[in-house]
N, C-alpha and C. Protein backbone atom coordinates (compact mmCIF):
# COMPACT_ATOMS: atom_id res chain seq x y z
N UNK A 1 5.29 203.49 -28.10
CA UNK A 1 6.16 202.44 -27.63
C UNK A 1 6.20 202.55 -26.12
N UNK A 2 5.95 201.46 -25.44
CA UNK A 2 5.96 201.40 -23.99
C UNK A 2 7.22 200.64 -23.55
N UNK A 3 8.04 201.29 -22.74
CA UNK A 3 9.31 200.71 -22.34
C UNK A 3 9.38 200.63 -20.82
N UNK A 4 9.53 199.43 -20.30
CA UNK A 4 9.73 199.24 -18.86
C UNK A 4 11.22 199.26 -18.58
N UNK A 5 11.59 200.01 -17.54
CA UNK A 5 12.99 200.07 -17.13
C UNK A 5 13.15 199.53 -15.71
N UNK A 6 12.30 198.56 -15.38
CA UNK A 6 12.31 197.90 -14.06
C UNK A 6 12.27 198.94 -12.95
N UNK A 7 13.22 198.93 -12.05
CA UNK A 7 13.24 199.83 -10.91
C UNK A 7 13.46 201.29 -11.26
N UNK A 8 13.78 201.57 -12.51
CA UNK A 8 14.00 202.95 -12.94
C UNK A 8 12.76 203.58 -13.56
N UNK A 9 11.64 202.87 -13.57
CA UNK A 9 10.39 203.43 -14.08
C UNK A 9 10.05 202.95 -15.47
N UNK A 10 9.33 203.80 -16.19
CA UNK A 10 8.88 203.44 -17.53
C UNK A 10 8.78 204.70 -18.38
N UNK A 11 8.83 204.49 -19.68
CA UNK A 11 8.69 205.57 -20.65
C UNK A 11 7.69 205.13 -21.71
N UNK A 12 6.83 206.05 -22.09
CA UNK A 12 5.93 205.85 -23.21
C UNK A 12 6.27 206.91 -24.25
N UNK A 13 6.48 206.49 -25.47
CA UNK A 13 6.65 207.42 -26.58
C UNK A 13 5.40 207.30 -27.44
N UNK A 14 4.63 208.38 -27.50
CA UNK A 14 3.35 208.31 -28.19
C UNK A 14 3.49 208.53 -29.70
N UNK A 15 2.36 208.49 -30.39
CA UNK A 15 2.37 208.57 -31.86
C UNK A 15 2.86 209.90 -32.39
N UNK A 16 2.94 210.92 -31.52
CA UNK A 16 3.45 212.23 -31.92
C UNK A 16 4.92 212.42 -31.56
N UNK A 17 5.52 211.39 -30.98
CA UNK A 17 6.92 211.45 -30.59
C UNK A 17 7.14 212.04 -29.20
N UNK A 18 6.07 212.41 -28.52
CA UNK A 18 6.20 212.94 -27.16
C UNK A 18 6.52 211.80 -26.20
N UNK A 19 7.39 212.08 -25.22
CA UNK A 19 7.67 211.04 -24.25
C UNK A 19 6.99 211.35 -22.92
N UNK A 20 6.56 210.29 -22.28
CA UNK A 20 5.89 210.35 -20.98
C UNK A 20 6.70 209.44 -20.06
N UNK A 21 7.20 210.00 -18.96
CA UNK A 21 8.05 209.23 -18.05
C UNK A 21 7.39 209.12 -16.69
N UNK A 22 7.70 208.02 -16.00
CA UNK A 22 7.14 207.80 -14.67
C UNK A 22 8.11 206.96 -13.85
N UNK A 23 8.13 207.21 -12.55
CA UNK A 23 8.91 206.40 -11.63
C UNK A 23 8.09 205.21 -11.17
N UNK A 24 8.61 204.49 -10.21
CA UNK A 24 7.91 203.32 -9.68
C UNK A 24 7.69 203.49 -8.19
N UNK A 25 6.65 202.81 -7.66
CA UNK A 25 6.45 202.84 -6.21
C UNK A 25 7.51 201.99 -5.52
N UNK A 26 7.69 202.23 -4.25
CA UNK A 26 8.66 201.43 -3.48
C UNK A 26 8.04 200.09 -3.10
N UNK A 27 8.86 199.07 -3.13
CA UNK A 27 8.39 197.75 -2.76
C UNK A 27 9.51 196.74 -2.92
N UNK A 28 9.27 195.55 -2.46
CA UNK A 28 10.24 194.46 -2.55
C UNK A 28 9.81 193.51 -3.66
N UNK A 29 10.69 193.31 -4.62
CA UNK A 29 10.39 192.39 -5.73
C UNK A 29 10.41 190.96 -5.20
N UNK A 30 9.30 190.28 -5.38
CA UNK A 30 9.18 188.88 -4.96
C UNK A 30 9.24 187.95 -6.15
N UNK A 31 8.71 188.41 -7.30
CA UNK A 31 8.66 187.56 -8.48
C UNK A 31 8.35 188.45 -9.68
N UNK A 32 9.27 188.60 -10.57
CA UNK A 32 9.05 189.50 -11.71
C UNK A 32 8.37 188.81 -12.91
N UNK A 33 8.11 187.50 -12.80
CA UNK A 33 7.45 186.79 -13.89
C UNK A 33 6.05 187.37 -14.11
N UNK A 34 5.78 187.82 -15.29
CA UNK A 34 4.47 188.37 -15.62
C UNK A 34 4.33 189.86 -15.36
N UNK A 35 5.36 190.50 -14.78
CA UNK A 35 5.26 191.92 -14.46
C UNK A 35 5.13 192.78 -15.72
N UNK A 36 5.88 192.44 -16.75
CA UNK A 36 5.79 193.20 -18.01
C UNK A 36 4.43 193.04 -18.67
N UNK A 37 3.93 191.82 -18.68
CA UNK A 37 2.59 191.57 -19.24
C UNK A 37 1.53 192.31 -18.43
N UNK A 38 1.70 192.31 -17.11
CA UNK A 38 0.76 193.02 -16.25
C UNK A 38 0.80 194.52 -16.53
N UNK A 39 2.00 195.04 -16.78
CA UNK A 39 2.14 196.45 -17.09
C UNK A 39 1.37 196.79 -18.37
N UNK A 40 1.54 195.98 -19.39
CA UNK A 40 0.84 196.21 -20.66
C UNK A 40 -0.67 196.14 -20.45
N UNK A 41 -1.12 195.15 -19.70
CA UNK A 41 -2.56 195.01 -19.44
C UNK A 41 -3.10 196.22 -18.68
N UNK A 42 -2.38 196.67 -17.67
CA UNK A 42 -2.80 197.85 -16.92
C UNK A 42 -2.81 199.10 -17.77
N UNK A 43 -1.79 199.24 -18.62
CA UNK A 43 -1.73 200.40 -19.52
C UNK A 43 -2.94 200.41 -20.46
N UNK A 44 -3.22 199.27 -21.07
CA UNK A 44 -4.36 199.19 -22.00
C UNK A 44 -5.67 199.46 -21.29
N UNK A 45 -5.84 198.90 -20.09
CA UNK A 45 -7.08 199.13 -19.33
C UNK A 45 -7.21 200.62 -19.00
N UNK A 46 -6.12 201.24 -18.59
CA UNK A 46 -6.16 202.67 -18.26
C UNK A 46 -6.45 203.53 -19.47
N UNK A 47 -5.85 203.18 -20.60
CA UNK A 47 -6.10 203.98 -21.80
C UNK A 47 -7.54 203.81 -22.29
N UNK A 48 -8.03 202.60 -22.26
CA UNK A 48 -9.41 202.37 -22.69
C UNK A 48 -10.40 203.07 -21.76
N UNK A 49 -10.06 203.16 -20.49
CA UNK A 49 -10.94 203.80 -19.52
C UNK A 49 -10.99 205.32 -19.68
N UNK A 50 -9.81 205.96 -19.85
CA UNK A 50 -9.78 207.44 -19.82
C UNK A 50 -9.22 208.10 -21.08
N UNK A 51 -8.72 207.32 -22.01
CA UNK A 51 -8.12 207.89 -23.23
C UNK A 51 -7.04 208.91 -22.89
N UNK A 52 -6.24 208.62 -21.86
CA UNK A 52 -5.22 209.55 -21.36
C UNK A 52 -3.92 208.77 -21.14
N UNK A 53 -2.88 209.14 -21.88
CA UNK A 53 -1.62 208.40 -21.80
C UNK A 53 -0.99 208.46 -20.41
N UNK A 54 -1.04 209.62 -19.76
CA UNK A 54 -0.40 209.74 -18.45
C UNK A 54 -1.09 208.83 -17.43
N UNK A 55 -2.41 208.81 -17.44
CA UNK A 55 -3.14 207.91 -16.53
C UNK A 55 -2.84 206.46 -16.88
N UNK A 56 -2.85 206.13 -18.16
CA UNK A 56 -2.59 204.75 -18.58
C UNK A 56 -1.20 204.30 -18.16
N UNK A 57 -0.22 205.17 -18.30
CA UNK A 57 1.15 204.84 -17.89
C UNK A 57 1.21 204.63 -16.38
N UNK A 58 0.50 205.46 -15.64
CA UNK A 58 0.46 205.34 -14.18
C UNK A 58 -0.19 204.01 -13.77
N UNK A 59 -1.32 203.67 -14.37
CA UNK A 59 -1.99 202.42 -14.04
C UNK A 59 -1.15 201.22 -14.47
N UNK A 60 -0.55 201.29 -15.63
CA UNK A 60 0.31 200.20 -16.09
C UNK A 60 1.49 199.98 -15.16
N UNK A 61 2.10 201.06 -14.71
CA UNK A 61 3.23 200.96 -13.79
C UNK A 61 2.80 200.37 -12.45
N UNK A 62 1.66 200.81 -11.95
CA UNK A 62 1.14 200.26 -10.69
C UNK A 62 0.83 198.78 -10.83
N UNK A 63 0.25 198.38 -11.96
CA UNK A 63 -0.12 196.99 -12.18
C UNK A 63 1.12 196.10 -12.30
N UNK A 64 2.09 196.54 -13.08
CA UNK A 64 3.32 195.77 -13.22
C UNK A 64 4.06 195.66 -11.90
N UNK A 65 4.10 196.75 -11.15
CA UNK A 65 4.77 196.74 -9.84
C UNK A 65 4.04 195.82 -8.87
N UNK A 66 2.71 195.86 -8.88
CA UNK A 66 1.94 195.00 -7.98
C UNK A 66 2.22 193.53 -8.25
N UNK A 67 2.37 193.17 -9.51
CA UNK A 67 2.72 191.78 -9.83
C UNK A 67 4.13 191.46 -9.35
N UNK A 68 5.08 192.36 -9.59
CA UNK A 68 6.46 192.12 -9.17
C UNK A 68 6.59 192.01 -7.65
N UNK A 69 5.73 192.73 -6.93
CA UNK A 69 5.79 192.73 -5.47
C UNK A 69 4.93 191.63 -4.85
N UNK A 70 4.36 190.76 -5.66
CA UNK A 70 3.47 189.69 -5.19
C UNK A 70 4.04 188.33 -5.56
N UNK A 71 3.56 187.30 -4.90
CA UNK A 71 3.98 185.94 -5.24
C UNK A 71 3.36 185.49 -6.56
N UNK A 72 2.15 185.98 -6.87
CA UNK A 72 1.46 185.64 -8.11
C UNK A 72 1.16 186.91 -8.88
N UNK A 73 0.05 186.90 -9.59
CA UNK A 73 -0.36 188.08 -10.34
C UNK A 73 -0.94 189.14 -9.41
N UNK A 74 -0.92 190.37 -9.87
CA UNK A 74 -1.43 191.49 -9.09
C UNK A 74 -2.91 191.35 -8.78
N UNK A 75 -3.31 191.84 -7.61
CA UNK A 75 -4.71 191.92 -7.25
C UNK A 75 -5.12 193.40 -7.22
N UNK A 76 -6.37 193.67 -7.56
CA UNK A 76 -6.84 195.04 -7.74
C UNK A 76 -6.60 195.93 -6.52
N UNK A 77 -6.83 195.40 -5.33
CA UNK A 77 -6.65 196.20 -4.12
C UNK A 77 -5.20 196.68 -4.00
N UNK A 78 -4.25 195.82 -4.29
CA UNK A 78 -2.84 196.18 -4.23
C UNK A 78 -2.48 197.16 -5.35
N UNK A 79 -3.04 196.97 -6.52
CA UNK A 79 -2.82 197.90 -7.63
C UNK A 79 -3.28 199.30 -7.23
N UNK A 80 -4.48 199.39 -6.64
CA UNK A 80 -5.01 200.68 -6.23
C UNK A 80 -4.14 201.33 -5.17
N UNK A 81 -3.60 200.52 -4.25
CA UNK A 81 -2.71 201.05 -3.22
C UNK A 81 -1.45 201.65 -3.84
N UNK A 82 -0.85 200.93 -4.78
CA UNK A 82 0.35 201.43 -5.44
C UNK A 82 0.05 202.63 -6.34
N UNK A 83 -1.11 202.64 -6.95
CA UNK A 83 -1.53 203.76 -7.80
C UNK A 83 -1.53 205.06 -7.01
N UNK A 84 -1.93 205.00 -5.75
CA UNK A 84 -1.95 206.20 -4.91
C UNK A 84 -0.54 206.66 -4.55
N UNK A 85 0.46 205.77 -4.65
CA UNK A 85 1.84 206.12 -4.30
C UNK A 85 2.61 206.76 -5.45
N UNK A 86 2.10 206.60 -6.65
CA UNK A 86 2.82 207.10 -7.83
C UNK A 86 2.44 208.54 -8.09
């Protein structure tokens, strides 16, 4: 289960019941529409790439944050920048 807590970060509870927690990068929210969907997309892309929940959660959080900090959907360059901050 993937849970976004907006500015308080996110939690993933995996199939074994282990929880994975992460904070968020700093930024100014411009538009939160699509941020949750972006987070899910980033999480899935990260998991498919590395089969690692911690990396997937990190990429999902960066992707969702990049969308929230943008006027439109996240762009890869901005996602990568935020990924380095987490």
